[in-house]
Every structure is written in C-alpha cells, then in structure tokens.
Amino acid sequence: MSEDQSEKAASGADETVGKGRPTPSRKEAQAAKAQPLVGSRDKAAKKAQRQKDAELRERARVGMMQGDERYMTARDKGPQRRYVRDYVDARFSLGEFTIPLMLVVLMLSFVPGQVQVISIMAIWAFLFLAVLDAIVLGLRLRRKLAEKFGADKIQPGFRWYAAMRAFQFRMLRMPKPQVKRLQFPE
C-alpha cells in the first residue's frame, strides 16, 4: 500500500469510486434534454401572448400617430425632425397634388389626339415645378434650422425627409400632422 492509501484507510474515510450513480442510457439522456423547438404548446398561453402583442402594437401605432416620441421610428425622432414635420405640414406643397394630377392625366391619355400630348407635357411641367418646390423647401428649412439649432448642429438628411413628407397626401402622413395649415413653428 502506498502512503496516501494507508492514511485514508487509517482515517476511515471511504470514498466511492466513480460518480456514484449509473450512467443513463442514451434514450434517457435525450428524453431529459428534450424541449419544444418553439415555445410552449399551450394554446391558451399562445392566445394570451398574441393578445398582449396586439395590444402593444396598437398602443405603439396610436402613439406614433399622435406624435409621441417614445413610439416613433429612429427616422422620426428628435426636435429637428419635429420642426421639419411641423414646417412641412404647415405649408401647401405642390407635391401633394402630384398623384391626383397623374390620375387626371391617366384619364386624359385615353382621349385621342392633341389632348394626350398636352396632358403629358402638363404632367412633366408640374413634376418639374414640384421638384423645384421641394428644393426651395430644403433651402428654407436649412436656413430655419440653422437659426433655431445652430448651423453646425443640423441633422443630415433633413431635405430628403422634408421632400418625401411634402409629396405625401396630408391625411396619409405618418406621424399625423400636429399643426394646422399656415401655423408655422417658431
């Protein structure tokens, strides 16, 4: 016997060799690890979770429509974006009338003769004026944002944001307009 073994035998400490339990079979080990791949299979729990998710989405949708900063997308957040939205919503933009005018031109394109040519020229002229209006809007907004927030602190992308908002129907804009026409922000 070695010195260590004799000490253990003398102290009376009997240690079990191995792990102290039988090795589980593969079937038992796999059954112990088994979990559903996708959440619980309880129908009531699924229904409750769907209901909760729907309520959260509805609250977020209403909050965004009302202009609540907590529920807005990253694109719409911040005081400068609010200023741009309010400025665009306060003015009349030619871009708002693009879609209705295109519908009129579409109807006129079915009329044979000179009317087709004139309507196509009219829509191109209107689109040119609408783009020019968006450029002027961007220049004005740059000046106004520089006055209010400082020329070196202007958030990039405000021109595109303003132009895209100006080309939408007022009633379909998201978040909904918070100001009335001609009620420009200060």
N, C-alpha and C. Protein backbone atom coordinates (compact mmCIF):
# COMPACT_ATOMS: atom_id res chain seq x y z
N MET A 1 0.83 -1.18 0.00
CA MET A 1 0.00 0.00 0.00
C MET A 1 0.87 1.23 0.00
N SER A 2 0.35 2.24 -0.67
CA SER A 2 1.11 3.49 -0.70
C SER A 2 0.80 4.29 0.55
N GLU A 3 1.58 5.32 0.73
CA GLU A 3 1.44 6.15 1.93
C GLU A 3 0.07 6.82 1.98
N ASP A 4 -0.41 7.35 0.84
CA ASP A 4 -1.71 8.04 0.79
C ASP A 4 -2.86 7.09 1.09
N GLN A 5 -2.77 5.88 0.54
CA GLN A 5 -3.83 4.90 0.75
C GLN A 5 -3.90 4.46 2.20
N SER A 6 -2.74 4.33 2.79
CA SER A 6 -2.73 3.89 4.18
C SER A 6 -3.30 4.97 5.10
N GLU A 7 -3.06 6.26 4.75
CA GLU A 7 -3.62 7.35 5.54
C GLU A 7 -5.14 7.38 5.44
N LYS A 8 -5.66 7.17 4.22
CA LYS A 8 -7.11 7.16 4.02
C LYS A 8 -7.75 5.99 4.77
N ALA A 9 -7.11 4.86 4.70
CA ALA A 9 -7.64 3.68 5.38
C ALA A 9 -7.62 3.89 6.88
N ALA A 10 -6.57 4.56 7.35
CA ALA A 10 -6.45 4.79 8.78
C ALA A 10 -7.47 5.82 9.26
N SER A 11 -7.76 6.80 8.42
CA SER A 11 -8.71 7.83 8.83
C SER A 11 -10.15 7.34 8.75
N GLY A 12 -10.38 6.26 8.04
CA GLY A 12 -11.72 5.71 7.97
C GLY A 12 -12.60 6.36 6.93
N ALA A 13 -12.03 7.22 6.09
CA ALA A 13 -12.81 7.90 5.06
C ALA A 13 -12.93 6.99 3.86
N ASP A 14 -14.12 6.50 3.61
CA ASP A 14 -14.35 5.66 2.44
C ASP A 14 -14.92 6.52 1.33
N GLU A 15 -14.22 6.63 0.25
CA GLU A 15 -14.72 7.40 -0.91
C GLU A 15 -15.22 6.42 -1.94
N THR A 16 -16.34 6.79 -2.58
CA THR A 16 -16.85 5.94 -3.64
C THR A 16 -16.10 6.26 -4.92
N VAL A 17 -15.83 5.24 -5.62
CA VAL A 17 -15.13 5.40 -6.88
C VAL A 17 -16.18 5.67 -7.95
N GLY A 18 -15.88 6.62 -8.86
CA GLY A 18 -16.80 6.97 -9.93
C GLY A 18 -17.74 8.08 -9.53
N LYS A 19 -18.88 8.15 -10.22
CA LYS A 19 -19.79 9.27 -9.99
C LYS A 19 -20.89 8.95 -8.99
N GLY A 20 -20.99 7.75 -8.58
CA GLY A 20 -21.95 7.41 -7.54
C GLY A 20 -23.33 7.09 -8.05
N ARG A 21 -23.50 7.00 -9.35
CA ARG A 21 -24.80 6.64 -9.92
C ARG A 21 -24.56 5.97 -11.27
N PRO A 22 -25.52 5.20 -11.72
CA PRO A 22 -25.30 4.52 -13.00
C PRO A 22 -25.41 5.48 -14.18
N THR A 23 -24.70 5.22 -15.23
CA THR A 23 -24.74 6.04 -16.44
C THR A 23 -26.10 5.86 -17.10
N PRO A 24 -26.76 7.01 -17.42
CA PRO A 24 -28.08 6.87 -18.07
C PRO A 24 -27.93 6.37 -19.51
N SER A 25 -28.96 5.70 -19.96
CA SER A 25 -28.93 5.24 -21.35
C SER A 25 -29.10 6.44 -22.28
N ARG A 26 -28.78 6.25 -23.52
CA ARG A 26 -28.92 7.34 -24.49
C ARG A 26 -30.37 7.82 -24.54
N LYS A 27 -31.29 6.88 -24.52
CA LYS A 27 -32.71 7.23 -24.59
C LYS A 27 -33.11 8.12 -23.40
N GLU A 28 -32.66 7.78 -22.22
CA GLU A 28 -32.98 8.57 -21.02
C GLU A 28 -32.34 9.96 -21.10
N ALA A 29 -31.09 10.04 -21.57
CA ALA A 29 -30.39 11.33 -21.66
C ALA A 29 -31.07 12.25 -22.67
N GLN A 30 -31.46 11.69 -23.80
CA GLN A 30 -32.13 12.51 -24.81
C GLN A 30 -33.51 12.96 -24.33
N ALA A 31 -34.21 12.11 -23.62
CA ALA A 31 -35.53 12.48 -23.10
C ALA A 31 -35.41 13.58 -22.06
N ALA A 32 -34.32 13.58 -21.28
CA ALA A 32 -34.13 14.61 -20.26
C ALA A 32 -33.83 15.97 -20.90
N LYS A 33 -33.17 15.97 -22.05
CA LYS A 33 -32.81 17.22 -22.73
C LYS A 33 -33.92 17.75 -23.64
N ALA A 34 -34.90 16.93 -23.91
CA ALA A 34 -35.93 17.30 -24.90
C ALA A 34 -36.70 18.54 -24.48
N GLN A 35 -36.80 19.49 -25.42
CA GLN A 35 -37.58 20.73 -25.23
C GLN A 35 -38.30 21.02 -26.52
N PRO A 36 -39.44 21.67 -26.44
CA PRO A 36 -40.10 22.05 -27.70
C PRO A 36 -39.24 23.06 -28.46
N LEU A 37 -39.24 22.98 -29.78
CA LEU A 37 -38.42 23.87 -30.60
C LEU A 37 -38.91 25.31 -30.53
N VAL A 38 -40.21 25.49 -30.48
CA VAL A 38 -40.77 26.84 -30.48
C VAL A 38 -41.72 27.00 -29.31
N GLY A 39 -41.23 27.53 -28.23
CA GLY A 39 -42.08 27.91 -27.10
C GLY A 39 -42.98 26.83 -26.58
N SER A 40 -44.00 27.27 -25.90
CA SER A 40 -44.96 26.37 -25.27
C SER A 40 -46.00 25.93 -26.29
N ARG A 41 -46.54 24.75 -26.04
CA ARG A 41 -47.60 24.25 -26.93
C ARG A 41 -48.98 24.49 -26.34
N ASP A 42 -49.02 25.22 -25.26
CA ASP A 42 -50.28 25.52 -24.59
C ASP A 42 -51.05 26.56 -25.41
N LYS A 43 -52.22 26.19 -25.90
CA LYS A 43 -53.00 27.09 -26.76
C LYS A 43 -53.44 28.35 -26.03
N ALA A 44 -53.79 28.23 -24.78
CA ALA A 44 -54.23 29.39 -24.00
C ALA A 44 -53.09 30.38 -23.82
N ALA A 45 -51.88 29.85 -23.57
CA ALA A 45 -50.72 30.73 -23.40
C ALA A 45 -50.39 31.45 -24.71
N LYS A 46 -50.48 30.72 -25.82
CA LYS A 46 -50.24 31.34 -27.13
C LYS A 46 -51.24 32.45 -27.42
N LYS A 47 -52.49 32.18 -27.12
CA LYS A 47 -53.55 33.16 -27.38
C LYS A 47 -53.35 34.40 -26.51
N ALA A 48 -52.99 34.19 -25.26
CA ALA A 48 -52.74 35.33 -24.36
C ALA A 48 -51.55 36.15 -24.84
N GLN A 49 -50.50 35.48 -25.31
CA GLN A 49 -49.32 36.19 -25.80
C GLN A 49 -49.65 36.98 -27.07
N ARG A 50 -50.43 36.38 -27.97
CA ARG A 50 -50.85 37.10 -29.18
C ARG A 50 -51.66 38.33 -28.84
N GLN A 51 -52.56 38.19 -27.87
CA GLN A 51 -53.40 39.32 -27.44
C GLN A 51 -52.53 40.43 -26.85
N LYS A 52 -51.57 40.06 -26.04
CA LYS A 52 -50.66 41.04 -25.42
C LYS A 52 -49.84 41.75 -26.48
N ASP A 53 -49.31 40.99 -27.46
CA ASP A 53 -48.53 41.59 -28.55
C ASP A 53 -49.38 42.54 -29.39
N ALA A 54 -50.62 42.16 -29.65
CA ALA A 54 -51.52 43.02 -30.43
C ALA A 54 -51.80 44.33 -29.69
N GLU A 55 -51.99 44.25 -28.38
CA GLU A 55 -52.23 45.46 -27.59
C GLU A 55 -51.01 46.38 -27.62
N LEU A 56 -49.81 45.80 -27.52
CA LEU A 56 -48.58 46.60 -27.58
C LEU A 56 -48.42 47.28 -28.94
N ARG A 57 -48.70 46.54 -30.01
CA ARG A 57 -48.60 47.11 -31.36
C ARG A 57 -49.62 48.23 -31.56
N GLU A 58 -50.82 48.04 -31.05
CA GLU A 58 -51.86 49.07 -31.20
C GLU A 58 -51.48 50.32 -30.41
N ARG A 59 -50.95 50.14 -29.21
CA ARG A 59 -50.52 51.28 -28.40
C ARG A 59 -49.39 52.04 -29.12
N ALA A 60 -48.46 51.30 -29.71
CA ALA A 60 -47.36 51.93 -30.44
C ALA A 60 -47.87 52.67 -31.68
N ARG A 61 -48.84 52.08 -32.39
CA ARG A 61 -49.39 52.72 -33.59
C ARG A 61 -50.10 54.03 -33.23
N VAL A 62 -50.92 53.98 -32.19
CA VAL A 62 -51.64 55.18 -31.76
C VAL A 62 -50.65 56.23 -31.27
N GLY A 63 -49.66 55.81 -30.51
CA GLY A 63 -48.65 56.75 -30.01
C GLY A 63 -47.89 57.41 -31.14
N MET A 64 -47.54 56.65 -32.17
CA MET A 64 -46.83 57.23 -33.30
C MET A 64 -47.71 58.20 -34.07
N MET A 65 -48.96 57.85 -34.26
CA MET A 65 -49.87 58.73 -34.99
C MET A 65 -50.07 60.05 -34.25
N GLN A 66 -50.02 60.00 -32.92
CA GLN A 66 -50.21 61.21 -32.13
C GLN A 66 -48.93 61.99 -31.95
N GLY A 67 -47.82 61.47 -32.44
CA GLY A 67 -46.56 62.20 -32.36
C GLY A 67 -45.79 61.97 -31.08
N ASP A 68 -46.08 60.89 -30.36
CA ASP A 68 -45.36 60.58 -29.12
C ASP A 68 -43.96 60.06 -29.47
N GLU A 69 -42.93 60.74 -28.98
CA GLU A 69 -41.54 60.41 -29.31
C GLU A 69 -41.17 58.97 -28.93
N ARG A 70 -41.77 58.43 -27.88
CA ARG A 70 -41.41 57.07 -27.42
C ARG A 70 -41.71 56.02 -28.47
N TYR A 71 -42.73 56.24 -29.28
CA TYR A 71 -43.18 55.22 -30.22
C TYR A 71 -42.72 55.50 -31.65
N MET A 72 -41.99 56.55 -31.88
CA MET A 72 -41.57 56.89 -33.25
C MET A 72 -40.36 56.06 -33.67
N THR A 73 -40.24 55.92 -34.97
CA THR A 73 -39.07 55.24 -35.50
C THR A 73 -37.85 56.16 -35.36
N ALA A 74 -36.68 55.61 -35.50
CA ALA A 74 -35.45 56.40 -35.37
C ALA A 74 -35.42 57.53 -36.40
N ARG A 75 -36.01 57.30 -37.55
CA ARG A 75 -36.05 58.30 -38.61
C ARG A 75 -36.82 59.55 -38.18
N ASP A 76 -37.84 59.38 -37.35
CA ASP A 76 -38.74 60.48 -37.00
C ASP A 76 -38.43 61.13 -35.65
N LYS A 77 -37.48 60.61 -34.90
CA LYS A 77 -37.24 61.11 -33.54
C LYS A 77 -36.39 62.37 -33.55
N GLY A 78 -36.61 63.18 -32.53
CA GLY A 78 -35.75 64.33 -32.29
C GLY A 78 -36.45 65.65 -32.55
N PRO A 79 -35.92 66.73 -31.93
CA PRO A 79 -36.54 68.04 -32.08
C PRO A 79 -36.43 68.61 -33.50
N GLN A 80 -35.34 68.30 -34.20
CA GLN A 80 -35.19 68.82 -35.56
C GLN A 80 -36.18 68.16 -36.50
N ARG A 81 -36.37 66.86 -36.35
CA ARG A 81 -37.36 66.18 -37.20
C ARG A 81 -38.77 66.69 -36.91
N ARG A 82 -39.06 66.96 -35.66
CA ARG A 82 -40.38 67.52 -35.32
C ARG A 82 -40.55 68.88 -35.98
N TYR A 83 -39.50 69.70 -35.95
CA TYR A 83 -39.56 71.02 -36.56
C TYR A 83 -39.80 70.89 -38.07
N VAL A 84 -39.07 69.97 -38.71
CA VAL A 84 -39.23 69.75 -40.16
C VAL A 84 -40.65 69.30 -40.46
N ARG A 85 -41.16 68.34 -39.68
CA ARG A 85 -42.54 67.86 -39.89
C ARG A 85 -43.54 68.99 -39.75
N ASP A 86 -43.40 69.77 -38.70
CA ASP A 86 -44.35 70.86 -38.47
C ASP A 86 -44.27 71.91 -39.58
N TYR A 87 -43.07 72.19 -40.06
CA TYR A 87 -42.91 73.19 -41.12
C TYR A 87 -43.55 72.70 -42.42
N VAL A 88 -43.28 71.44 -42.76
CA VAL A 88 -43.85 70.87 -43.99
C VAL A 88 -45.37 70.79 -43.89
N ASP A 89 -45.88 70.41 -42.72
CA ASP A 89 -47.33 70.27 -42.56
C ASP A 89 -48.05 71.61 -42.56
N ALA A 90 -47.34 72.68 -42.23
CA ALA A 90 -47.97 74.00 -42.18
C ALA A 90 -48.10 74.63 -43.56
N ARG A 91 -47.33 74.18 -44.52
CA ARG A 91 -47.36 74.83 -45.84
C ARG A 91 -48.11 73.99 -46.86
N PHE A 92 -48.50 74.65 -47.95
CA PHE A 92 -49.08 73.96 -49.10
C PHE A 92 -47.92 73.59 -50.02
N SER A 93 -47.85 72.33 -50.42
CA SER A 93 -46.78 71.86 -51.29
C SER A 93 -47.36 71.39 -52.61
N LEU A 94 -46.66 71.66 -53.68
CA LEU A 94 -47.12 71.18 -54.99
C LEU A 94 -47.08 69.66 -55.06
N GLY A 95 -46.15 69.06 -54.33
CA GLY A 95 -46.01 67.61 -54.35
C GLY A 95 -47.26 66.88 -53.89
N GLU A 96 -48.04 67.49 -53.03
CA GLU A 96 -49.26 66.87 -52.54
C GLU A 96 -50.25 66.59 -53.66
N PHE A 97 -50.20 67.40 -54.69
CA PHE A 97 -51.18 67.30 -55.78
C PHE A 97 -50.68 66.46 -56.95
N THR A 98 -49.52 65.84 -56.81
CA THR A 98 -48.94 65.06 -57.91
C THR A 98 -49.80 63.86 -58.25
N ILE A 99 -50.19 63.07 -57.26
CA ILE A 99 -50.96 61.86 -57.53
C ILE A 99 -52.33 62.17 -58.11
N PRO A 100 -53.09 63.12 -57.55
CA PRO A 100 -54.38 63.43 -58.19
C PRO A 100 -54.22 63.93 -59.63
N LEU A 101 -53.18 64.73 -59.86
CA LEU A 101 -52.97 65.23 -61.23
C LEU A 101 -52.59 64.09 -62.16
N MET A 102 -51.82 63.14 -61.67
CA MET A 102 -51.46 61.99 -62.51
C MET A 102 -52.68 61.15 -62.86
N LEU A 103 -53.63 61.05 -61.95
CA LEU A 103 -54.86 60.33 -62.26
C LEU A 103 -55.64 61.04 -63.37
N VAL A 104 -55.67 62.37 -63.31
CA VAL A 104 -56.34 63.14 -64.37
C VAL A 104 -55.63 62.92 -65.71
N VAL A 105 -54.30 62.96 -65.70
CA VAL A 105 -53.54 62.74 -66.94
C VAL A 105 -53.77 61.33 -67.46
N LEU A 106 -53.87 60.36 -66.55
CA LEU A 106 -54.15 58.99 -66.98
C LEU A 106 -55.49 58.91 -67.70
N MET A 107 -56.50 59.58 -67.18
CA MET A 107 -57.81 59.60 -67.83
C MET A 107 -57.74 60.31 -69.18
N LEU A 108 -56.98 61.42 -69.23
CA LEU A 108 -56.87 62.16 -70.48
C LEU A 108 -56.05 61.41 -71.54
N SER A 109 -55.24 60.46 -71.10
CA SER A 109 -54.44 59.70 -72.07
C SER A 109 -55.31 58.77 -72.92
N PHE A 110 -56.53 58.52 -72.48
CA PHE A 110 -57.45 57.70 -73.28
C PHE A 110 -58.16 58.51 -74.35
N VAL A 111 -58.11 59.82 -74.25
CA VAL A 111 -58.73 60.68 -75.25
C VAL A 111 -57.75 60.82 -76.41
N PRO A 112 -58.16 60.48 -77.61
CA PRO A 112 -57.22 60.55 -78.73
C PRO A 112 -56.93 61.99 -79.16
N GLY A 113 -55.80 62.16 -79.81
CA GLY A 113 -55.48 63.45 -80.41
C GLY A 113 -54.54 64.29 -79.56
N GLN A 114 -54.68 65.61 -79.73
CA GLN A 114 -53.82 66.60 -79.09
C GLN A 114 -53.91 66.59 -77.58
N VAL A 115 -55.04 66.15 -77.03
CA VAL A 115 -55.25 66.17 -75.58
C VAL A 115 -54.20 65.30 -74.88
N GLN A 116 -53.85 64.16 -75.48
CA GLN A 116 -52.83 63.29 -74.90
C GLN A 116 -51.50 64.00 -74.78
N VAL A 117 -51.08 64.64 -75.85
CA VAL A 117 -49.78 65.31 -75.89
C VAL A 117 -49.75 66.45 -74.87
N ILE A 118 -50.82 67.23 -74.83
CA ILE A 118 -50.87 68.36 -73.90
C ILE A 118 -50.85 67.87 -72.44
N SER A 119 -51.60 66.80 -72.16
CA SER A 119 -51.64 66.29 -70.78
C SER A 119 -50.28 65.74 -70.35
N ILE A 120 -49.58 65.07 -71.25
CA ILE A 120 -48.24 64.55 -70.92
C ILE A 120 -47.28 65.72 -70.67
N MET A 121 -47.34 66.73 -71.49
CA MET A 121 -46.47 67.90 -71.28
C MET A 121 -46.82 68.59 -69.95
N ALA A 122 -48.10 68.66 -69.65
CA ALA A 122 -48.53 69.30 -68.41
C ALA A 122 -48.02 68.56 -67.18
N ILE A 123 -48.06 67.23 -67.22
CA ILE A 123 -47.60 66.48 -66.04
C ILE A 123 -46.09 66.63 -65.87
N TRP A 124 -45.34 66.66 -66.98
CA TRP A 124 -43.89 66.87 -66.87
C TRP A 124 -43.57 68.26 -66.33
N ALA A 125 -44.32 69.25 -66.76
CA ALA A 125 -44.10 70.61 -66.25
C ALA A 125 -44.46 70.66 -64.76
N PHE A 126 -45.55 70.00 -64.38
CA PHE A 126 -45.94 70.00 -62.98
C PHE A 126 -44.89 69.29 -62.12
N LEU A 127 -44.38 68.16 -62.60
CA LEU A 127 -43.34 67.44 -61.85
C LEU A 127 -42.09 68.31 -61.69
N PHE A 128 -41.73 69.03 -62.72
CA PHE A 128 -40.58 69.93 -62.64
C PHE A 128 -40.82 70.99 -61.56
N LEU A 129 -42.03 71.58 -61.55
CA LEU A 129 -42.36 72.59 -60.54
C LEU A 129 -42.40 71.99 -59.13
N ALA A 130 -42.89 70.76 -59.00
CA ALA A 130 -42.94 70.11 -57.68
C ALA A 130 -41.53 69.84 -57.15
N VAL A 131 -40.63 69.41 -58.01
CA VAL A 131 -39.24 69.18 -57.59
C VAL A 131 -38.59 70.51 -57.23
N LEU A 132 -38.86 71.54 -58.00
CA LEU A 132 -38.33 72.87 -57.69
C LEU A 132 -38.87 73.36 -56.35
N ASP A 133 -40.14 73.10 -56.09
CA ASP A 133 -40.73 73.45 -54.80
C ASP A 133 -40.04 72.70 -53.66
N ALA A 134 -39.70 71.43 -53.85
CA ALA A 134 -39.01 70.65 -52.82
C ALA A 134 -37.59 71.19 -52.59
N ILE A 135 -36.93 71.65 -53.64
CA ILE A 135 -35.60 72.23 -53.48
C ILE A 135 -35.67 73.53 -52.69
N VAL A 136 -36.65 74.36 -53.01
CA VAL A 136 -36.84 75.61 -52.27
C VAL A 136 -37.18 75.32 -50.81
N LEU A 137 -38.00 74.31 -50.58
CA LEU A 137 -38.34 73.89 -49.21
C LEU A 137 -37.07 73.50 -48.45
N GLY A 138 -36.19 72.74 -49.08
CA GLY A 138 -34.94 72.34 -48.44
C GLY A 138 -34.05 73.52 -48.09
N LEU A 139 -33.98 74.50 -49.00
CA LEU A 139 -33.15 75.68 -48.73
C LEU A 139 -33.71 76.50 -47.58
N ARG A 140 -35.03 76.68 -47.56
CA ARG A 140 -35.66 77.42 -46.47
C ARG A 140 -35.47 76.71 -45.13
N LEU A 141 -35.66 75.40 -45.16
CA LEU A 141 -35.51 74.65 -43.92
C LEU A 141 -34.08 74.70 -43.40
N ARG A 142 -33.11 74.68 -44.29
CA ARG A 142 -31.71 74.76 -43.85
C ARG A 142 -31.47 76.07 -43.10
N ARG A 143 -31.99 77.15 -43.65
CA ARG A 143 -31.84 78.47 -43.00
C ARG A 143 -32.56 78.49 -41.66
N LYS A 144 -33.79 77.97 -41.62
CA LYS A 144 -34.57 77.99 -40.38
C LYS A 144 -33.94 77.10 -39.31
N LEU A 145 -33.46 75.91 -39.71
CA LEU A 145 -32.82 75.01 -38.74
C LEU A 145 -31.52 75.61 -38.21
N ALA A 146 -30.78 76.30 -39.09
CA ALA A 146 -29.53 76.94 -38.65
C ALA A 146 -29.84 78.04 -37.63
N GLU A 147 -30.91 78.78 -37.84
CA GLU A 147 -31.29 79.84 -36.89
C GLU A 147 -31.71 79.24 -35.55
N LYS A 148 -32.47 78.16 -35.60
CA LYS A 148 -33.01 77.60 -34.36
C LYS A 148 -32.03 76.71 -33.60
N PHE A 149 -31.29 75.83 -34.32
CA PHE A 149 -30.46 74.83 -33.66
C PHE A 149 -28.96 75.08 -33.82
N GLY A 150 -28.58 76.00 -34.70
CA GLY A 150 -27.16 76.25 -34.95
C GLY A 150 -26.74 75.59 -36.26
N ALA A 151 -25.94 76.29 -37.04
CA ALA A 151 -25.56 75.81 -38.37
C ALA A 151 -24.73 74.52 -38.30
N ASP A 152 -23.95 74.36 -37.24
CA ASP A 152 -23.10 73.18 -37.14
C ASP A 152 -23.81 71.98 -36.51
N LYS A 153 -25.04 72.14 -36.08
CA LYS A 153 -25.77 71.05 -35.41
C LYS A 153 -26.95 70.53 -36.22
N ILE A 154 -27.00 70.87 -37.49
CA ILE A 154 -28.12 70.42 -38.33
C ILE A 154 -27.97 68.93 -38.62
N GLN A 155 -29.04 68.20 -38.39
CA GLN A 155 -29.06 66.76 -38.61
C GLN A 155 -29.06 66.46 -40.11
N PRO A 156 -28.19 65.57 -40.59
CA PRO A 156 -28.16 65.28 -42.03
C PRO A 156 -29.43 64.55 -42.48
N GLY A 157 -29.79 64.71 -43.74
CA GLY A 157 -30.94 64.02 -44.32
C GLY A 157 -32.25 64.74 -44.16
N PHE A 158 -32.23 65.96 -43.64
CA PHE A 158 -33.50 66.66 -43.40
C PHE A 158 -34.18 67.05 -44.70
N ARG A 159 -33.41 67.34 -45.75
CA ARG A 159 -34.01 67.75 -47.03
C ARG A 159 -34.83 66.61 -47.63
N TRP A 160 -34.25 65.42 -47.65
CA TRP A 160 -34.95 64.26 -48.20
C TRP A 160 -36.18 63.95 -47.35
N TYR A 161 -36.03 64.03 -46.04
CA TYR A 161 -37.15 63.79 -45.13
C TYR A 161 -38.29 64.77 -45.41
N ALA A 162 -37.95 66.04 -45.57
CA ALA A 162 -38.97 67.06 -45.83
C ALA A 162 -39.61 66.86 -47.21
N ALA A 163 -38.80 66.54 -48.21
CA ALA A 163 -39.34 66.37 -49.56
C ALA A 163 -40.30 65.18 -49.62
N MET A 164 -39.93 64.07 -49.00
CA MET A 164 -40.79 62.89 -49.02
C MET A 164 -42.10 63.16 -48.28
N ARG A 165 -42.02 63.91 -47.22
CA ARG A 165 -43.25 64.26 -46.49
C ARG A 165 -44.10 65.22 -47.30
N ALA A 166 -43.46 66.14 -48.02
CA ALA A 166 -44.19 67.12 -48.82
C ALA A 166 -44.90 66.47 -50.01
N PHE A 167 -44.40 65.33 -50.49
CA PHE A 167 -45.01 64.66 -51.63
C PHE A 167 -46.14 63.72 -51.22
N GLN A 168 -46.41 63.57 -49.95
CA GLN A 168 -47.49 62.69 -49.49
C GLN A 168 -48.76 63.49 -49.27
N PHE A 169 -49.90 62.79 -49.41
CA PHE A 169 -51.17 63.42 -49.03
C PHE A 169 -51.08 63.79 -47.56
N ARG A 170 -51.61 64.92 -47.22
CA ARG A 170 -51.55 65.38 -45.82
C ARG A 170 -52.23 64.38 -44.89
N MET A 171 -53.37 63.84 -45.30
CA MET A 171 -54.11 62.94 -44.42
C MET A 171 -53.45 61.57 -44.27
N LEU A 172 -52.50 61.22 -45.14
CA LEU A 172 -51.84 59.92 -45.06
C LEU A 172 -50.45 59.99 -44.43
N ARG A 173 -50.02 61.15 -44.00
CA ARG A 173 -48.68 61.29 -43.43
C ARG A 173 -48.60 60.61 -42.07
N MET A 174 -47.44 59.98 -41.83
CA MET A 174 -47.18 59.35 -40.53
C MET A 174 -45.89 59.92 -40.00
N PRO A 175 -45.82 60.37 -38.80
CA PRO A 175 -46.90 60.62 -37.86
C PRO A 175 -47.83 61.70 -38.37
N LYS A 176 -49.05 61.67 -37.88
CA LYS A 176 -50.07 62.61 -38.33
C LYS A 176 -49.63 64.05 -38.09
N PRO A 177 -50.05 64.97 -38.97
CA PRO A 177 -49.71 66.39 -38.77
C PRO A 177 -50.22 66.90 -37.42
N GLN A 178 -49.36 67.61 -36.71
CA GLN A 178 -49.69 68.14 -35.38
C GLN A 178 -50.05 69.61 -35.43
N VAL A 179 -49.88 70.25 -36.61
CA VAL A 179 -50.18 71.68 -36.76
C VAL A 179 -51.18 71.86 -37.89
N LYS A 180 -51.87 72.99 -37.86
CA LYS A 180 -52.80 73.32 -38.93
C LYS A 180 -52.04 74.02 -40.05
N ARG A 181 -52.71 74.15 -41.19
CA ARG A 181 -52.11 74.87 -42.31
C ARG A 181 -51.78 76.29 -41.89
N LEU A 182 -50.67 76.79 -42.37
CA LEU A 182 -50.16 78.14 -42.14
C LEU A 182 -49.86 78.43 -40.66
N GLN A 183 -49.76 77.40 -39.85
CA GLN A 183 -49.37 77.54 -38.45
C GLN A 183 -47.91 77.07 -38.32
N PHE A 184 -46.99 77.90 -38.81
CA PHE A 184 -45.58 77.52 -38.89
C PHE A 184 -44.94 77.49 -37.51
N PRO A 185 -43.99 76.56 -37.28
CA PRO A 185 -43.30 76.52 -35.99
C PRO A 185 -42.39 77.71 -35.79
N GLU A 186 -42.10 78.03 -34.55
CA GLU A 186 -41.26 79.20 -34.26
C GLU A 186 -39.81 78.81 -34.10
